[in-house]
C-alpha atoms as a PDB file:
ATOM      1  CA  MET A   1    -104.043   2.122 160.028  1.00  0.00           C
ATOM      2  CA  ALA A   2    -107.328   3.414 158.700  1.00  0.00           C
ATOM      3  CA  GLY A   3    -106.096   2.994 155.241  1.00  0.00           C
ATOM      4  CA  ARG A   4    -105.508  -0.621 155.923  1.00  0.00           C
ATOM      5  CA  ARG A   5    -108.954  -0.891 157.869  1.00  0.00           C
ATOM      6  CA  VAL A   6    -110.726   0.312 154.651  1.00  0.00           C
ATOM      7  CA  ALA A   7    -108.929  -2.265 152.624  1.00  0.00           C
ATOM      8  CA  LEU A   8    -110.234  -5.116 154.745  1.00  0.00           C
ATOM      9  CA  LYS A   9    -113.314  -6.819 153.376  1.00  0.00           C
ATOM     10  CA  ALA A  10    -116.438  -6.875 155.653  1.00  0.00           C
ATOM     11  CA  ILE A  11    -117.750 -10.216 156.290  1.00  0.00           C
ATOM     12  CA  ASP A  12    -121.443 -10.815 155.625  1.00  0.00           C
ATOM     13  CA  TRP A  13    -122.332 -12.831 158.961  1.00  0.00           C
ATOM     14  CA  MET A  14    -125.916 -13.400 158.109  1.00  0.00           C
ATOM     15  CA  ALA A  15    -125.157 -15.080 154.630  1.00  0.00           C
ATOM     16  CA  PHE A  16    -122.142 -16.940 156.267  1.00  0.00           C
ATOM     17  CA  ALA A  17    -124.590 -18.109 158.920  1.00  0.00           C
ATOM     18  CA  GLU A  18    -127.140 -19.603 156.319  1.00  0.00           C
ATOM     19  CA  ARG A  19    -124.593 -21.929 154.898  1.00  0.00           C
ATOM     20  CA  VAL A  20    -123.178 -23.328 158.234  1.00  0.00           C
ATOM     21  CA  PRO A  21    -124.529 -26.854 158.915  1.00  0.00           C
ATOM     22  CA  PRO A  22    -126.326 -27.210 162.492  1.00  0.00           C
ATOM     23  CA  ASN A  23    -123.623 -29.498 163.519  1.00  0.00           C
ATOM     24  CA  GLN A  24    -120.948 -26.768 163.020  1.00  0.00           C
ATOM     25  CA  ARG A  25    -122.967 -23.949 164.482  1.00  0.00           C
ATOM     26  CA  ALA A  26    -120.762 -23.805 167.830  1.00  0.00           C
ATOM     27  CA  MET A  27    -117.527 -23.460 165.772  1.00  0.00           C
ATOM     28  CA  PHE A  28    -119.197 -20.791 163.797  1.00  0.00           C
ATOM     29  CA  ASN A  29    -120.189 -18.870 166.826  1.00  0.00           C
ATOM     30  CA  ASN A  30    -116.698 -19.049 168.248  1.00  0.00           C
ATOM     31  CA  LEU A  31    -115.146 -18.040 165.055  1.00  0.00           C
ATOM     32  CA  LYS A  32    -117.651 -14.982 165.120  1.00  0.00           C
ATOM     33  CA  THR A  33    -116.726 -14.044 168.482  1.00  0.00           C
ATOM     34  CA  ARG A  34    -113.039 -14.060 168.055  1.00  0.00           C
ATOM     35  CA  SER A  35    -113.185 -12.331 164.895  1.00  0.00           C
ATOM     36  CA  ASP A  36    -115.430  -9.442 166.619  1.00  0.00           C
ATOM     37  CA  ALA A  37    -113.097  -9.444 169.492  1.00  0.00           C
ATOM     38  CA  ILE A  38    -109.929  -8.877 167.141  1.00  0.00           C
ATOM     39  CA  ALA A  39    -111.837  -6.244 165.040  1.00  0.00           C
ATOM     40  CA  GLY A  40    -112.744  -4.505 168.362  1.00  0.00           C
ATOM     41  CA  LYS A  41    -109.211  -4.384 169.528  1.00  0.00           C
ATOM     42  CA  LEU A  42    -108.237  -2.989 165.941  1.00  0.00           C
ATOM     43  CA  ALA A  43    -110.727  -0.431 165.967  1.00  0.00           C
ATOM     44  CA  ALA A  44    -109.642   0.753 169.603  1.00  0.00           C
ATOM     45  CA  LEU A  45    -106.022   1.183 168.393  1.00  0.00           C
ATOM     46  CA  PRO A  46    -105.013   4.888 167.193  1.00  0.00           C
ATOM     47  CA  GLU A  47    -104.513   5.693 163.378  1.00  0.00           C
ATOM     48  CA  THR A  48    -100.854   6.395 164.214  1.00  0.00           C
ATOM     49  CA  PRO A  49     -98.807   5.496 167.291  1.00  0.00           C
ATOM     50  CA  ALA A  50     -98.350   8.000 170.046  1.00  0.00           C
ATOM     51  CA  PRO A  51     -95.041   9.999 169.536  1.00  0.00           C
ATOM     52  CA  ILE A  52     -92.003   9.038 171.556  1.00  0.00           C
ATOM     53  CA  ASN A  53     -91.090  11.750 173.894  1.00  0.00           C
ATOM     54  CA  TRP A  54     -87.116  11.786 173.383  1.00  0.00           C
ATOM     55  CA  ALA A  55     -86.622  14.814 175.626  1.00  0.00           C
ATOM     56  CA  HIS A  56     -88.088  12.835 178.686  1.00  0.00           C
ATOM     57  CA  TYR A  57     -85.854  10.071 178.013  1.00  0.00           C
ATOM     58  CA  LYS A  58     -82.604  12.224 177.653  1.00  0.00           C
ATOM     59  CA  SER A  59     -83.473  13.785 180.992  1.00  0.00           C
ATOM     60  CA  ALA A  60     -84.152  10.201 182.773  1.00  0.00           C
ATOM     61  CA  VAL A  61     -81.201   8.095 181.109  1.00  0.00           C
ATOM     62  CA  ALA A  62     -77.802   8.843 182.990  1.00  0.00           C
ATOM     63  CA  LYS A  63     -75.653   7.561 179.870  1.00  0.00           C
ATOM     64  CA  ALA A  64     -75.040  10.476 177.551  1.00  0.00           C
ATOM     65  CA  GLY A  65     -75.623   9.751 173.845  1.00  0.00           C
ATOM     66  CA  MET A  66     -77.582   6.685 174.322  1.00  0.00           C
ATOM     67  CA  VAL A  67     -80.923   8.297 173.721  1.00  0.00           C
ATOM     68  CA  ASP A  68     -79.659  10.177 170.744  1.00  0.00           C
ATOM     69  CA  GLU A  69     -78.235   6.863 169.351  1.00  0.00           C
ATOM     70  CA  PHE A  70     -81.669   5.038 169.864  1.00  0.00           C
ATOM     71  CA  GLU A  71     -83.503   7.979 168.343  1.00  0.00           C
ATOM     72  CA  LYS A  72     -81.352   7.997 165.197  1.00  0.00           C
ATOM     73  CA  LYS A  73     -81.979   4.076 164.805  1.00  0.00           C
ATOM     74  CA  PHE A  74     -85.607   4.625 165.349  1.00  0.00           C
ATOM     75  CA  ALA A  75     -85.822   7.258 162.829  1.00  0.00           C
ATOM     76  CA  ALA A  76     -83.810   5.167 160.221  1.00  0.00           C
ATOM     77  CA  LEU A  77     -85.996   2.065 161.048  1.00  0.00           C
ATOM     78  CA  SER A  78     -88.557   1.281 158.244  1.00  0.00           C
ATOM     79  CA  ILE A  79     -90.639  -1.820 158.374  1.00  0.00           C
ATOM     80  CA  PRO A  80     -92.155  -2.623 155.017  1.00  0.00           C
ATOM     81  CA  ALA A  81     -95.657  -3.667 154.803  1.00  0.00           C
ATOM     82  CA  PRO A  82     -96.116  -7.361 153.577  1.00  0.00           C
ATOM     83  CA  THR A  83     -97.197  -7.300 149.968  1.00  0.00           C
ATOM     84  CA  ASP A  84    -100.447  -9.024 149.135  1.00  0.00           C
ATOM     85  CA  THR A  85     -99.638 -11.896 146.766  1.00  0.00           C
ATOM     86  CA  GLU A  86    -102.878 -13.976 147.266  1.00  0.00           C
ATOM     87  CA  THR A  87    -105.756 -11.581 146.363  1.00  0.00           C
ATOM     88  CA  ALA A  88    -104.911 -12.033 142.590  1.00  0.00           C
ATOM     89  CA  LYS A  89    -104.959 -15.937 143.041  1.00  0.00           C
ATOM     90  CA  ILE A  90    -108.276 -15.910 144.957  1.00  0.00           C
ATOM     91  CA  ASP A  91    -109.782 -13.541 142.265  1.00  0.00           C
ATOM     92  CA  ALA A  92    -108.589 -15.897 139.560  1.00  0.00           C
ATOM     93  CA  GLN A  93    -110.081 -18.891 141.236  1.00  0.00           C
ATOM     94  CA  GLU A  94    -113.455 -16.726 141.638  1.00  0.00           C
ATOM     95  CA  GLN A  95    -113.442 -15.913 138.168  1.00  0.00           C
ATOM     96  CA  GLU A  96    -112.782 -19.571 137.135  1.00  0.00           C
ATOM     97  CA  ALA A  97    -115.674 -20.734 139.540  1.00  0.00           C
ATOM     98  CA  ASN A  98    -118.120 -18.125 137.923  1.00  0.00           C
ATOM     99  CA  LYS A  99    -117.065 -19.317 134.499  1.00  0.00           C
ATOM    100  CA  HIS A 100    -117.837 -22.978 135.757  1.00  0.00           C
ATOM    101  CA  ALA A 101    -120.963 -21.971 137.160  1.00  0.00           C
ATOM    102  CA  VAL A 102    -122.076 -20.084 134.036  1.00  0.00           C
ATOM    103  CA  ASP A 103    -121.309 -23.202 132.058  1.00  0.00           C
ATOM    104  CA  TYR A 104    -123.207 -25.437 134.663  1.00  0.00           C
ATOM    105  CA  VAL A 105    -126.113 -23.120 134.347  1.00  0.00           C
ATOM    106  CA  ALA A 106    -126.111 -23.459 130.552  1.00  0.00           C
ATOM    107  CA  ALA A 107    -125.811 -27.058 130.665  1.00  0.00           C
ATOM    108  CA  SER A 108    -128.788 -27.205 133.190  1.00  0.00           C
ATOM    109  CA  LYS A 109    -130.846 -25.104 130.926  1.00  0.00           C
ATOM    110  CA  ALA A 110    -130.033 -27.390 128.013  1.00  0.00           C
ATOM    111  CA  ARG A 111    -131.127 -30.562 130.187  1.00  0.00           C
ATOM    112  CA  ILE A 112    -134.302 -28.808 131.441  1.00  0.00           C
ATOM    113  CA  VAL A 113    -135.433 -28.348 127.651  1.00  0.00           C
ATOM    114  CA  GLN A 114    -134.782 -31.978 127.061  1.00  0.00           C
ATOM    115  CA  TYR A 115    -136.647 -33.031 130.000  1.00  0.00           C
ATOM    116  CA  GLU A 116    -139.516 -31.043 129.244  1.00  0.00           C
ATOM    117  CA  ALA A 117    -139.695 -32.569 125.872  1.00  0.00           C
ATOM    118  CA  GLU A 118    -139.495 -35.997 127.473  1.00  0.00           C
ATOM    119  CA  LEU A 119    -142.314 -34.928 129.827  1.00  0.00           C
ATOM    120  CA  ALA A 120    -144.366 -33.685 127.190  1.00  0.00           C
ATOM    121  CA  LYS A 121    -143.900 -37.061 125.538  1.00  0.00           C
ATOM    122  CA  PHE A 122    -145.115 -38.801 128.606  1.00  0.00           C
ATOM    123  CA  GLN A 123    -148.157 -36.575 129.095  1.00  0.00           C
ATOM    124  CA  ASN A 124    -149.311 -37.190 125.438  1.00  0.00           C
ATOM    125  CA  MET A 125    -148.845 -40.799 125.078  1.00  0.00           C
ATOM    126  CA  ILE A 126    -151.365 -43.323 125.320  1.00  0.00           C
ATOM    127  CA  PRO A 127    -152.010 -44.949 128.788  1.00  0.00           C
ATOM    128  CA  PHE A 128    -150.126 -48.230 129.221  1.00  0.00           C
ATOM    129  CA  ASP A 129    -153.104 -50.123 129.819  1.00  0.00           C
ATOM    130  CA  GLN A 130    -154.375 -49.180 126.478  1.00  0.00           C
ATOM    131  CA  MET A 131    -151.366 -49.662 124.153  1.00  0.00           C
ATOM    132  CA  THR A 132    -150.537 -52.484 122.028  1.00  0.00           C
ATOM    133  CA  ILE A 133    -147.082 -53.926 121.352  1.00  0.00           C
ATOM    134  CA  GLU A 134    -146.881 -51.743 118.243  1.00  0.00           C
ATOM    135  CA  ASP A 135    -147.711 -48.631 120.226  1.00  0.00           C
ATOM    136  CA  LEU A 136    -145.037 -49.446 123.008  1.00  0.00           C
ATOM    137  CA  ASN A 137    -142.620 -49.925 120.255  1.00  0.00           C
ATOM    138  CA  ASP A 138    -143.342 -46.712 118.585  1.00  0.00           C
ATOM    139  CA  THR A 139    -143.276 -44.750 121.956  1.00  0.00           C
ATOM    140  CA  PHE A 140    -140.249 -46.596 123.335  1.00  0.00           C
ATOM    141  CA  PRO A 141    -138.165 -47.830 120.523  1.00  0.00           C
ATOM    142  CA  GLU A 142    -135.597 -49.304 122.840  1.00  0.00           C
ATOM    143  CA  THR A 143    -138.297 -52.093 123.787  1.00  0.00           C
ATOM    144  CA  LYS A 144    -138.503 -53.243 120.312  1.00  0.00           C
ATOM    145  CA  LEU A 145    -137.103 -56.745 119.755  1.00  0.00           C
ATOM    146  CA  ASP A 146    -134.352 -57.161 117.680  1.00  0.00           C
ATOM    147  CA  LYS A 147    -134.612 -60.366 115.641  1.00  0.00           C
ATOM    148  CA  GLU A 148    -131.188 -60.478 114.262  1.00  0.00           C
ATOM    149  CA  LYS A 149    -129.563 -60.252 117.613  1.00  0.00           C
ATOM    150  CA  HIS A 150    -132.107 -62.640 119.459  1.00  0.00           C
ATOM    151  CA  PRO A 151    -133.654 -64.742 117.042  1.00  0.00           C
ATOM    152  CA  TYR A 152    -134.991 -67.103 119.433  1.00  0.00           C
ATOM    153  CA  TRP A 153    -136.287 -64.837 122.075  1.00  0.00           C
ATOM    154  CA  PRO A 154    -137.378 -65.674 124.788  1.00  0.00           C
ATOM    155  CA  HIS A 155    -135.388 -69.037 124.436  1.00  0.00           C
ATOM    156  CA  LYS A 156    -131.665 -69.213 124.261  1.00  0.00           C
ATOM    157  CA  PRO A 157    -130.126 -70.963 121.313  1.00  0.00           C
ATOM    158  CA  ILE A 158    -128.777 -74.264 121.830  1.00  0.00           C
ATOM    159  CA  ALA A 159    -125.239 -73.043 121.314  1.00  0.00           C
ATOM    160  CA  ASP A 160    -125.592 -70.683 124.090  1.00  0.00           C
ATOM    161  CA  LEU A 161    -126.167 -73.507 126.764  1.00  0.00           C
END
């Protein structure tokens, strides 16, 4: 039992509690209480089960051979431990999530560099109240009027009416 107990992962309840929204705090407390109760029951169990006193049962059971038969069947009984098939999948999902997180951080750093360059442009530009139309068009090229696309701006051509 201790071998299995060591294999169990400990839960960091403080880190878990930090991520629980306030409206789910009661459910979190119930989960922690149940988990602690189950962990306490498992800790109270002995490492190996108590051995069966077959001699006592042989003297107490009236039918001869019945206890011997049970003893043989009990000795032959082998209950296999379930195999863990999900840990590998969870580890793969964790590695995938970590890869996505690293990619997101790299993309975020690239966006930060872009935003800092844009911020520097805004900090170093002429104030709007002192700009001319040419300064505005130089600073923000998207505001420049396209005479080929809109030759009659701000008026619409007669064909569009």
